[in-house]
Amino acid sequence: MFIASTRVPQQERSRATQARLLEATVECLVERGWSGTTTTVVAARAGVSRGAQLHHYPTKAALVTAAVSHLTERRAAELRTEADALPAGPRRLDRVVDLLAAAFTGPLFVAALELWVAARTDAELRDALVPLEARVGREMHRLTVELLGVDERRPGVREAVQSTLDLLRGLGVANLLSDDSARRTALLQSWKRQLTALLTPDDGPPDAGGASGSARP
């Protein structure tokens, strides 16, 4: 009993240490960029010893990709919770697109962009990031299908969903250096109208309980 009761707190402390490191990593990426995000800086910000940081994440690439993966999962859960509170009806699509658009301007998106740019010339980071980006892309696609309540078995639905994500990603990049909110709002309003037409079946608007299909490759 003593061994078991000791192990649980140790596991909890280990998870808490990892969580602090991952949160601190994203904060550093947003504030300092890739070059300014060192494992030493992250450990200090998280209040964790260098030894503990190296134990959990022995390389910078391992640390930053774990941080993006962890926070992506958490943000997806938050989006589901926020979407659950949305009313059903014709305006739901607009609200879901707004939720997704906000996700592509938040700190996690900024941190991910730092990694994408750095990975172009950093082979170790690229090797770690490519499979993560593929998985995150698939999960984001599935989540969008789920939140919109559409059926990807219908022709054109899969492409409409992916076009939405590609548009939101591009608008997020355009918003990095200057306030692009006016143009962004106009484009989103236009796309919402087009998306409604693309996703609305002949017998009515998208159903929030619709079936989801496969994600992008």
C-alpha atoms as a PDB file:
ATOM      1  CA  MET A   1       0.000   0.000   0.000  1.00  0.00           C
ATOM      2  CA  PHE A   2       2.834   2.370   0.819  1.00  0.00           C
ATOM      3  CA  ILE A   3       4.456   1.793  -2.581  1.00  0.00           C
ATOM      4  CA  ALA A   4       1.176   2.348  -4.414  1.00  0.00           C
ATOM      5  CA  SER A   5       0.342   5.519  -2.484  1.00  0.00           C
ATOM      6  CA  THR A   6       3.825   6.871  -3.157  1.00  0.00           C
ATOM      7  CA  ARG A   7       3.705   6.097  -6.870  1.00  0.00           C
ATOM      8  CA  VAL A   8       0.491   8.047  -7.491  1.00  0.00           C
ATOM      9  CA  PRO A   9       1.814  11.380  -6.177  1.00  0.00           C
ATOM     10  CA  GLN A  10       5.014  10.830  -8.173  1.00  0.00           C
ATOM     11  CA  GLN A  11       2.992  10.266 -11.334  1.00  0.00           C
ATOM     12  CA  GLU A  12       0.914  13.348 -10.599  1.00  0.00           C
ATOM     13  CA  ARG A  13       4.035  15.423 -10.046  1.00  0.00           C
ATOM     14  CA  SER A  14       5.491  14.117 -13.295  1.00  0.00           C
ATOM     15  CA  ARG A  15       2.348  15.062 -15.233  1.00  0.00           C
ATOM     16  CA  ALA A  16       2.298  18.481 -13.584  1.00  0.00           C
ATOM     17  CA  THR A  17       5.950  19.025 -14.509  1.00  0.00           C
ATOM     18  CA  GLN A  18       5.287  18.074 -18.121  1.00  0.00           C
ATOM     19  CA  ALA A  19       2.254  20.366 -18.278  1.00  0.00           C
ATOM     20  CA  ARG A  20       4.275  23.330 -17.000  1.00  0.00           C
ATOM     21  CA  LEU A  21       7.005  22.650 -19.538  1.00  0.00           C
ATOM     22  CA  LEU A  22       4.549  22.406 -22.423  1.00  0.00           C
ATOM     23  CA  GLU A  23       2.697  25.575 -21.457  1.00  0.00           C
ATOM     24  CA  ALA A  24       5.969  27.458 -21.033  1.00  0.00           C
ATOM     25  CA  THR A  25       7.190  26.235 -24.415  1.00  0.00           C
ATOM     26  CA  VAL A  26       4.218  27.667 -26.302  1.00  0.00           C
ATOM     27  CA  GLU A  27       4.465  30.941 -24.372  1.00  0.00           C
ATOM     28  CA  CYS A  28       8.151  31.224 -25.289  1.00  0.00           C
ATOM     29  CA  LEU A  29       7.495  30.442 -28.954  1.00  0.00           C
ATOM     30  CA  VAL A  30       4.875  33.193 -29.100  1.00  0.00           C
ATOM     31  CA  GLU A  31       6.979  35.770 -27.246  1.00  0.00           C
ATOM     32  CA  ARG A  32      10.521  34.886 -28.348  1.00  0.00           C
ATOM     33  CA  GLY A  33      10.149  32.925 -31.572  1.00  0.00           C
ATOM     34  CA  TRP A  34      11.955  29.721 -32.453  1.00  0.00           C
ATOM     35  CA  SER A  35      15.495  31.043 -32.025  1.00  0.00           C
ATOM     36  CA  GLY A  36      14.733  32.564 -28.628  1.00  0.00           C
ATOM     37  CA  THR A  37      13.022  29.450 -27.319  1.00  0.00           C
ATOM     38  CA  THR A  38      15.798  27.436 -25.745  1.00  0.00           C
ATOM     39  CA  THR A  39      15.356  24.493 -23.416  1.00  0.00           C
ATOM     40  CA  THR A  40      17.114  26.475 -20.682  1.00  0.00           C
ATOM     41  CA  VAL A  41      14.699  29.400 -21.039  1.00  0.00           C
ATOM     42  CA  VAL A  42      11.688  27.067 -21.062  1.00  0.00           C
ATOM     43  CA  ALA A  43      12.846  25.200 -17.958  1.00  0.00           C
ATOM     44  CA  ALA A  44      13.386  28.463 -16.087  1.00  0.00           C
ATOM     45  CA  ARG A  45       9.995  29.810 -17.118  1.00  0.00           C
ATOM     46  CA  ALA A  46       8.289  26.586 -16.060  1.00  0.00           C
ATOM     47  CA  GLY A  47      10.101  26.561 -12.731  1.00  0.00           C
ATOM     48  CA  VAL A  48      11.589  23.167 -13.559  1.00  0.00           C
ATOM     49  CA  SER A  49      15.176  21.999 -13.217  1.00  0.00           C
ATOM     50  CA  ARG A  50      17.193  21.362 -16.361  1.00  0.00           C
ATOM     51  CA  GLY A  51      17.570  17.756 -15.270  1.00  0.00           C
ATOM     52  CA  ALA A  52      13.810  17.289 -15.037  1.00  0.00           C
ATOM     53  CA  GLN A  53      13.309  18.969 -18.399  1.00  0.00           C
ATOM     54  CA  LEU A  54      15.881  16.726 -20.073  1.00  0.00           C
ATOM     55  CA  HIS A  55      14.343  13.663 -18.442  1.00  0.00           C
ATOM     56  CA  HIS A  56      10.963  14.345 -20.038  1.00  0.00           C
ATOM     57  CA  TYR A  57      12.099  15.991 -23.294  1.00  0.00           C
ATOM     58  CA  PRO A  58      15.751  15.324 -24.161  1.00  0.00           C
ATOM     59  CA  THR A  59      15.822  17.588 -27.239  1.00  0.00           C
ATOM     60  CA  LYS A  60      14.357  20.929 -28.231  1.00  0.00           C
ATOM     61  CA  ALA A  61      12.516  19.313 -31.146  1.00  0.00           C
ATOM     62  CA  ALA A  62      10.916  16.765 -28.818  1.00  0.00           C
ATOM     63  CA  LEU A  63       9.870  19.521 -26.423  1.00  0.00           C
ATOM     64  CA  VAL A  64       8.270  21.857 -28.948  1.00  0.00           C
ATOM     65  CA  THR A  65       6.425  19.166 -30.893  1.00  0.00           C
ATOM     66  CA  ALA A  66       5.080  17.683 -27.650  1.00  0.00           C
ATOM     67  CA  ALA A  67       3.898  21.144 -26.630  1.00  0.00           C
ATOM     68  CA  VAL A  68       2.020  21.741 -29.874  1.00  0.00           C
ATOM     69  CA  SER A  69       0.496  18.252 -29.772  1.00  0.00           C
ATOM     70  CA  HIS A  70      -0.639  18.616 -26.157  1.00  0.00           C
ATOM     71  CA  LEU A  71      -2.156  22.046 -26.586  1.00  0.00           C
ATOM     72  CA  THR A  72      -3.817  21.111 -29.877  1.00  0.00           C
ATOM     73  CA  GLU A  73      -5.676  18.323 -28.087  1.00  0.00           C
ATOM     74  CA  ARG A  74      -6.681  20.683 -25.308  1.00  0.00           C
ATOM     75  CA  ARG A  75      -7.854  23.359 -27.742  1.00  0.00           C
ATOM     76  CA  ALA A  76      -9.907  20.791 -29.666  1.00  0.00           C
ATOM     77  CA  ALA A  77     -11.660  19.815 -26.437  1.00  0.00           C
ATOM     78  CA  GLU A  78     -12.349  23.488 -25.712  1.00  0.00           C
ATOM     79  CA  LEU A  79     -13.792  23.994 -29.195  1.00  0.00           C
ATOM     80  CA  ARG A  80     -16.132  21.043 -28.699  1.00  0.00           C
ATOM     81  CA  THR A  81     -17.307  22.498 -25.400  1.00  0.00           C
ATOM     82  CA  GLU A  82     -17.863  25.928 -26.945  1.00  0.00           C
ATOM     83  CA  ALA A  83     -19.690  24.422 -29.916  1.00  0.00           C
ATOM     84  CA  ASP A  84     -21.945  22.375 -27.625  1.00  0.00           C
ATOM     85  CA  ALA A  85     -23.282  25.653 -26.243  1.00  0.00           C
ATOM     86  CA  LEU A  86     -24.256  26.937 -29.689  1.00  0.00           C
ATOM     87  CA  PRO A  87     -27.930  26.795 -30.622  1.00  0.00           C
ATOM     88  CA  ALA A  88     -29.081  24.607 -33.468  1.00  0.00           C
ATOM     89  CA  GLY A  89     -30.470  26.226 -36.571  1.00  0.00           C
ATOM     90  CA  PRO A  90     -29.312  28.121 -39.652  1.00  0.00           C
ATOM     91  CA  ARG A  91     -26.965  30.445 -37.713  1.00  0.00           C
ATOM     92  CA  ARG A  92     -24.980  27.583 -36.224  1.00  0.00           C
ATOM     93  CA  LEU A  93     -22.698  27.359 -39.256  1.00  0.00           C
ATOM     94  CA  ASP A  94     -21.765  31.038 -38.887  1.00  0.00           C
ATOM     95  CA  ARG A  95     -20.925  30.579 -35.221  1.00  0.00           C
ATOM     96  CA  VAL A  96     -18.863  27.452 -35.839  1.00  0.00           C
ATOM     97  CA  VAL A  97     -16.827  29.240 -38.515  1.00  0.00           C
ATOM     98  CA  ASP A  98     -16.246  32.097 -36.057  1.00  0.00           C
ATOM     99  CA  LEU A  99     -14.989  29.632 -33.426  1.00  0.00           C
ATOM    100  CA  LEU A 100     -12.619  28.029 -35.905  1.00  0.00           C
ATOM    101  CA  ALA A 101     -11.417  31.420 -37.163  1.00  0.00           C
ATOM    102  CA  ALA A 102     -10.522  32.417 -33.610  1.00  0.00           C
ATOM    103  CA  ALA A 103      -8.481  29.231 -33.254  1.00  0.00           C
ATOM    104  CA  PHE A 104      -6.383  30.290 -36.251  1.00  0.00           C
ATOM    105  CA  THR A 105      -5.416  33.590 -34.624  1.00  0.00           C
ATOM    106  CA  GLY A 106      -4.665  32.331 -31.116  1.00  0.00           C
ATOM    107  CA  PRO A 107      -1.316  31.694 -29.393  1.00  0.00           C
ATOM    108  CA  LEU A 108      -1.213  28.026 -30.386  1.00  0.00           C
ATOM    109  CA  PHE A 109      -1.448  28.927 -34.079  1.00  0.00           C
ATOM    110  CA  VAL A 110       1.324  31.512 -33.706  1.00  0.00           C
ATOM    111  CA  ALA A 111       3.533  28.928 -31.986  1.00  0.00           C
ATOM    112  CA  ALA A 112       2.850  26.391 -34.731  1.00  0.00           C
ATOM    113  CA  LEU A 113       3.793  28.923 -37.415  1.00  0.00           C
ATOM    114  CA  GLU A 114       7.125  29.496 -35.699  1.00  0.00           C
ATOM    115  CA  LEU A 115       7.788  25.770 -35.958  1.00  0.00           C
ATOM    116  CA  TRP A 116       6.711  25.502 -39.601  1.00  0.00           C
ATOM    117  CA  VAL A 117       9.095  28.266 -40.651  1.00  0.00           C
ATOM    118  CA  ALA A 118      11.974  26.886 -38.583  1.00  0.00           C
ATOM    119  CA  ALA A 119      11.419  23.354 -39.904  1.00  0.00           C
ATOM    120  CA  ARG A 120      12.194  24.490 -43.440  1.00  0.00           C
ATOM    121  CA  THR A 121      15.903  24.628 -42.605  1.00  0.00           C
ATOM    122  CA  ASP A 122      16.079  22.412 -39.492  1.00  0.00           C
ATOM    123  CA  ALA A 123      16.087  18.745 -40.504  1.00  0.00           C
ATOM    124  CA  GLU A 124      15.634  17.401 -36.966  1.00  0.00           C
ATOM    125  CA  LEU A 125      12.632  19.621 -36.330  1.00  0.00           C
ATOM    126  CA  ARG A 126      11.170  18.843 -39.754  1.00  0.00           C
ATOM    127  CA  ASP A 127      11.404  15.099 -39.145  1.00  0.00           C
ATOM    128  CA  ALA A 128       9.535  15.531 -35.859  1.00  0.00           C
ATOM    129  CA  LEU A 129       7.017  18.054 -37.165  1.00  0.00           C
ATOM    130  CA  VAL A 130       5.869  16.481 -40.448  1.00  0.00           C
ATOM    131  CA  PRO A 131       4.044  13.501 -38.874  1.00  0.00           C
ATOM    132  CA  LEU A 132       2.621  15.735 -36.143  1.00  0.00           C
ATOM    133  CA  GLU A 133       1.304  18.232 -38.682  1.00  0.00           C
ATOM    134  CA  ALA A 134      -0.295  15.420 -40.691  1.00  0.00           C
ATOM    135  CA  ARG A 135      -2.049  14.083 -37.581  1.00  0.00           C
ATOM    136  CA  VAL A 136      -3.161  17.523 -36.424  1.00  0.00           C
ATOM    137  CA  GLY A 137      -4.488  18.275 -39.915  1.00  0.00           C
ATOM    138  CA  ARG A 138      -6.559  15.094 -39.952  1.00  0.00           C
ATOM    139  CA  GLU A 139      -7.904  15.719 -36.466  1.00  0.00           C
ATOM    140  CA  MET A 140      -8.796  19.332 -37.253  1.00  0.00           C
ATOM    141  CA  HIS A 141     -10.642  18.206 -40.352  1.00  0.00           C
ATOM    142  CA  ARG A 142     -12.607  15.595 -38.401  1.00  0.00           C
ATOM    143  CA  LEU A 143     -13.395  18.130 -35.696  1.00  0.00           C
ATOM    144  CA  THR A 144     -14.695  20.624 -38.255  1.00  0.00           C
ATOM    145  CA  VAL A 145     -16.938  17.984 -39.819  1.00  0.00           C
ATOM    146  CA  GLU A 146     -18.221  17.120 -36.356  1.00  0.00           C
ATOM    147  CA  LEU A 147     -18.901  20.724 -35.343  1.00  0.00           C
ATOM    148  CA  LEU A 148     -20.653  21.529 -38.618  1.00  0.00           C
ATOM    149  CA  GLY A 149     -22.702  18.344 -38.398  1.00  0.00           C
ATOM    150  CA  VAL A 150     -22.245  17.446 -42.051  1.00  0.00           C
ATOM    151  CA  ASP A 151     -21.937  14.144 -43.896  1.00  0.00           C
ATOM    152  CA  GLU A 152     -18.735  13.730 -45.895  1.00  0.00           C
ATOM    153  CA  ARG A 153     -20.314  10.972 -47.944  1.00  0.00           C
ATOM    154  CA  ARG A 154     -22.130  13.697 -49.860  1.00  0.00           C
ATOM    155  CA  PRO A 155     -20.194  14.880 -52.932  1.00  0.00           C
ATOM    156  CA  GLY A 156     -18.309  18.113 -52.376  1.00  0.00           C
ATOM    157  CA  VAL A 157     -18.627  18.216 -48.587  1.00  0.00           C
ATOM    158  CA  ARG A 158     -15.096  17.031 -47.876  1.00  0.00           C
ATOM    159  CA  GLU A 159     -13.639  19.634 -50.221  1.00  0.00           C
ATOM    160  CA  ALA A 160     -15.810  22.402 -48.745  1.00  0.00           C
ATOM    161  CA  VAL A 161     -14.636  21.579 -45.228  1.00  0.00           C
ATOM    162  CA  GLN A 162     -10.980  21.517 -46.253  1.00  0.00           C
ATOM    163  CA  SER A 163     -11.379  24.763 -48.201  1.00  0.00           C
ATOM    164  CA  THR A 164     -12.740  26.351 -45.034  1.00  0.00           C
ATOM    165  CA  LEU A 165      -9.709  25.281 -43.031  1.00  0.00           C
ATOM    166  CA  ASP A 166      -7.299  26.420 -45.742  1.00  0.00           C
ATOM    167  CA  LEU A 167      -9.014  29.819 -45.904  1.00  0.00           C
ATOM    168  CA  LEU A 168      -8.921  30.265 -42.131  1.00  0.00           C
ATOM    169  CA  ARG A 169      -5.262  29.286 -41.998  1.00  0.00           C
ATOM    170  CA  GLY A 170      -4.415  31.825 -44.687  1.00  0.00           C
ATOM    171  CA  LEU A 171      -6.359  34.574 -42.935  1.00  0.00           C
ATOM    172  CA  GLY A 172      -4.541  33.706 -39.716  1.00  0.00           C
ATOM    173  CA  VAL A 173      -1.174  34.174 -41.409  1.00  0.00           C
ATOM    174  CA  ALA A 174      -2.285  37.482 -42.959  1.00  0.00           C
ATOM    175  CA  ASN A 175      -3.301  38.723 -39.515  1.00  0.00           C
ATOM    176  CA  LEU A 176       0.150  38.215 -37.984  1.00  0.00           C
ATOM    177  CA  LEU A 177       1.860  41.445 -39.015  1.00  0.00           C
ATOM    178  CA  SER A 178      -1.050  43.875 -39.073  1.00  0.00           C
ATOM    179  CA  ASP A 179      -4.671  44.206 -38.009  1.00  0.00           C
ATOM    180  CA  ASP A 180      -6.494  42.583 -40.885  1.00  0.00           C
ATOM    181  CA  SER A 181      -9.850  42.396 -39.100  1.00  0.00           C
ATOM    182  CA  ALA A 182     -11.904  44.476 -41.580  1.00  0.00           C
ATOM    183  CA  ARG A 183     -10.911  42.486 -44.670  1.00  0.00           C
ATOM    184  CA  ARG A 184     -11.030  39.284 -42.655  1.00  0.00           C
ATOM    185  CA  THR A 185     -14.609  39.936 -41.514  1.00  0.00           C
ATOM    186  CA  ALA A 186     -15.785  40.685 -45.054  1.00  0.00           C
ATOM    187  CA  LEU A 187     -14.145  37.558 -46.461  1.00  0.00           C
ATOM    188  CA  LEU A 188     -15.574  35.379 -43.710  1.00  0.00           C
ATOM    189  CA  GLN A 189     -19.078  36.701 -44.271  1.00  0.00           C
ATOM    190  CA  SER A 190     -18.779  35.958 -47.983  1.00  0.00           C
ATOM    191  CA  TRP A 191     -17.413  32.475 -47.338  1.00  0.00           C
ATOM    192  CA  LYS A 192     -20.140  31.657 -44.815  1.00  0.00           C
ATOM    193  CA  ARG A 193     -22.761  32.301 -47.477  1.00  0.00           C
ATOM    194  CA  GLN A 194     -20.920  30.154 -49.999  1.00  0.00           C
ATOM    195  CA  LEU A 195     -20.291  27.417 -47.448  1.00  0.00           C
ATOM    196  CA  THR A 196     -23.958  27.308 -46.489  1.00  0.00           C
ATOM    197  CA  ALA A 197     -24.856  26.752 -50.129  1.00  0.00           C
ATOM    198  CA  LEU A 198     -22.162  24.095 -50.543  1.00  0.00           C
ATOM    199  CA  LEU A 199     -23.134  22.158 -47.414  1.00  0.00           C
ATOM    200  CA  THR A 200     -26.905  22.443 -47.578  1.00  0.00           C
ATOM    201  CA  PRO A 201     -28.468  19.242 -48.955  1.00  0.00           C
ATOM    202  CA  ASP A 202     -31.485  19.411 -51.197  1.00  0.00           C
ATOM    203  CA  ASP A 203     -33.784  18.551 -48.292  1.00  0.00           C
ATOM    204  CA  GLY A 204     -32.556  21.220 -45.859  1.00  0.00           C
ATOM    205  CA  PRO A 205     -29.666  22.788 -43.922  1.00  0.00           C
ATOM    206  CA  PRO A 206     -26.831  20.825 -42.237  1.00  0.00           C
ATOM    207  CA  ASP A 207     -27.944  18.728 -39.285  1.00  0.00           C
ATOM    208  CA  ALA A 208     -25.816  19.124 -36.127  1.00  0.00           C
ATOM    209  CA  GLY A 209     -25.998  15.364 -35.689  1.00  0.00           C
ATOM    210  CA  GLY A 210     -24.748  14.515 -39.182  1.00  0.00           C
ATOM    211  CA  ALA A 211     -22.229  11.755 -39.792  1.00  0.00           C
ATOM    212  CA  SER A 212     -18.543  12.561 -40.064  1.00  0.00           C
ATOM    213  CA  GLY A 213     -16.224  11.008 -42.579  1.00  0.00           C
ATOM    214  CA  SER A 214     -12.547  10.645 -43.251  1.00  0.00           C
ATOM    215  CA  ALA A 215     -10.041  13.455 -42.866  1.00  0.00           C
ATOM    216  CA  ARG A 216      -7.692  14.969 -45.361  1.00  0.00           C
ATOM    217  CA  PRO A 217      -4.670  12.825 -46.223  1.00  0.00           C
END
